[in-house]
Protein backbone atom coordinates (compact mmCIF):
# COMPACT_ATOMS: atom_id res chain seq x y z
CA MET A 1 -16.49 -9.91 0.88
CA LYS A 2 -15.87 -7.74 -2.15
CA ASN A 3 -13.13 -8.90 -4.50
CA PRO A 4 -9.96 -7.28 -3.04
CA THR A 5 -8.46 -6.69 -6.48
CA ASP A 6 -11.40 -4.37 -7.25
CA SER A 7 -10.45 -2.10 -4.34
CA LYS A 8 -8.99 1.35 -4.76
CA LEU A 9 -5.69 0.55 -3.05
CA LYS A 10 -2.65 1.88 -4.87
CA VAL A 11 0.97 0.88 -4.62
CA ILE A 12 2.96 4.05 -4.11
CA LYS A 13 6.59 5.06 -3.70
CA ILE A 14 7.43 6.46 -0.26
CA MET A 15 10.13 9.10 -0.33
CA ASP A 16 11.12 8.92 3.36
CA PRO A 17 9.79 5.86 5.27
CA LEU A 18 10.96 7.30 8.59
CA LEU A 19 8.30 10.02 8.31
CA CYS A 20 5.64 7.31 7.90
CA VAL A 21 6.81 5.50 11.04
CA ARG A 22 6.21 8.69 13.04
CA CYS A 23 2.95 9.66 11.30
CA GLU A 24 -0.41 9.07 12.98
CA ASN A 25 -2.07 8.49 9.57
CA ALA A 26 0.21 5.58 8.59
CA TYR A 27 -0.50 1.99 9.56
CA ILE A 28 1.51 -1.15 8.94
CA ALA A 29 -0.50 -3.73 7.02
CA ASP A 30 0.23 -7.44 6.74
CA VAL A 31 -0.36 -7.99 3.01
CA VAL A 32 -0.90 -11.33 1.25
CA MET A 33 0.40 -11.23 -2.32
CA ARG A 34 -1.01 -13.23 -5.26
CA ASP A 35 1.64 -15.93 -4.87
CA GLY A 36 0.70 -16.43 -1.20
CA SER A 37 3.74 -14.67 0.25
CA ARG A 38 3.27 -12.10 2.98
CA LYS A 39 4.76 -8.60 3.16
CA LYS A 40 4.54 -5.78 5.65
CA MET A 41 3.57 -2.54 3.97
CA PHE A 42 2.47 0.92 5.00
CA TYR A 43 -1.17 1.87 4.64
CA CYS A 44 -1.53 5.66 4.42
CA SER A 45 -4.91 7.19 5.17
CA ARG A 46 -3.79 10.73 4.34
CA LEU A 47 -4.56 11.51 0.70
CA ASP A 48 -2.79 14.88 0.70
CA CYS A 49 0.55 13.57 1.99
CA ASP A 50 3.70 15.00 0.40
CA ASN A 51 5.80 11.96 1.33
CA TRP A 52 4.60 9.63 -1.42
CA VAL A 53 4.30 9.54 -5.19
CA ALA A 54 1.78 7.39 -7.07
CA LYS A 55 2.97 5.96 -10.37
CA PRO A 56 0.45 5.02 -13.08
CA SER A 57 2.46 1.90 -13.90
CA ALA A 58 2.28 0.67 -10.29
CA ALA A 59 -0.96 -1.25 -10.91
CA THR A 60 0.75 -4.18 -12.60
CA THR A 61 0.06 -7.75 -11.59
CA ASP A 62 3.43 -7.96 -9.82
CA THR A 63 2.40 -5.37 -7.24
CA ASP A 64 -1.32 -6.12 -7.08
CA LEU A 65 -2.46 -6.64 -3.51
CA ASP A 66 -4.83 -9.49 -2.73
CA LEU A 67 -5.56 -9.05 0.97
CA ALA A 68 -4.60 -6.59 3.65
CA ALA A 69 -5.07 -7.60 7.25
């Protein structure tokens, strides 16, 4: 398996999570963080979505995703 930290996943800010719940392009991922804790996060497959904003500072080690199931 390729090193997950080399993937092109980005941590983004969702403006209205309710829209993601109803969207057919959004999936809920069970994410394992670096410290071993698990979080549920949205995975958006729509690159032209107006409901999220990507921040350049979001790629810090605190928000780095290790695995998405």
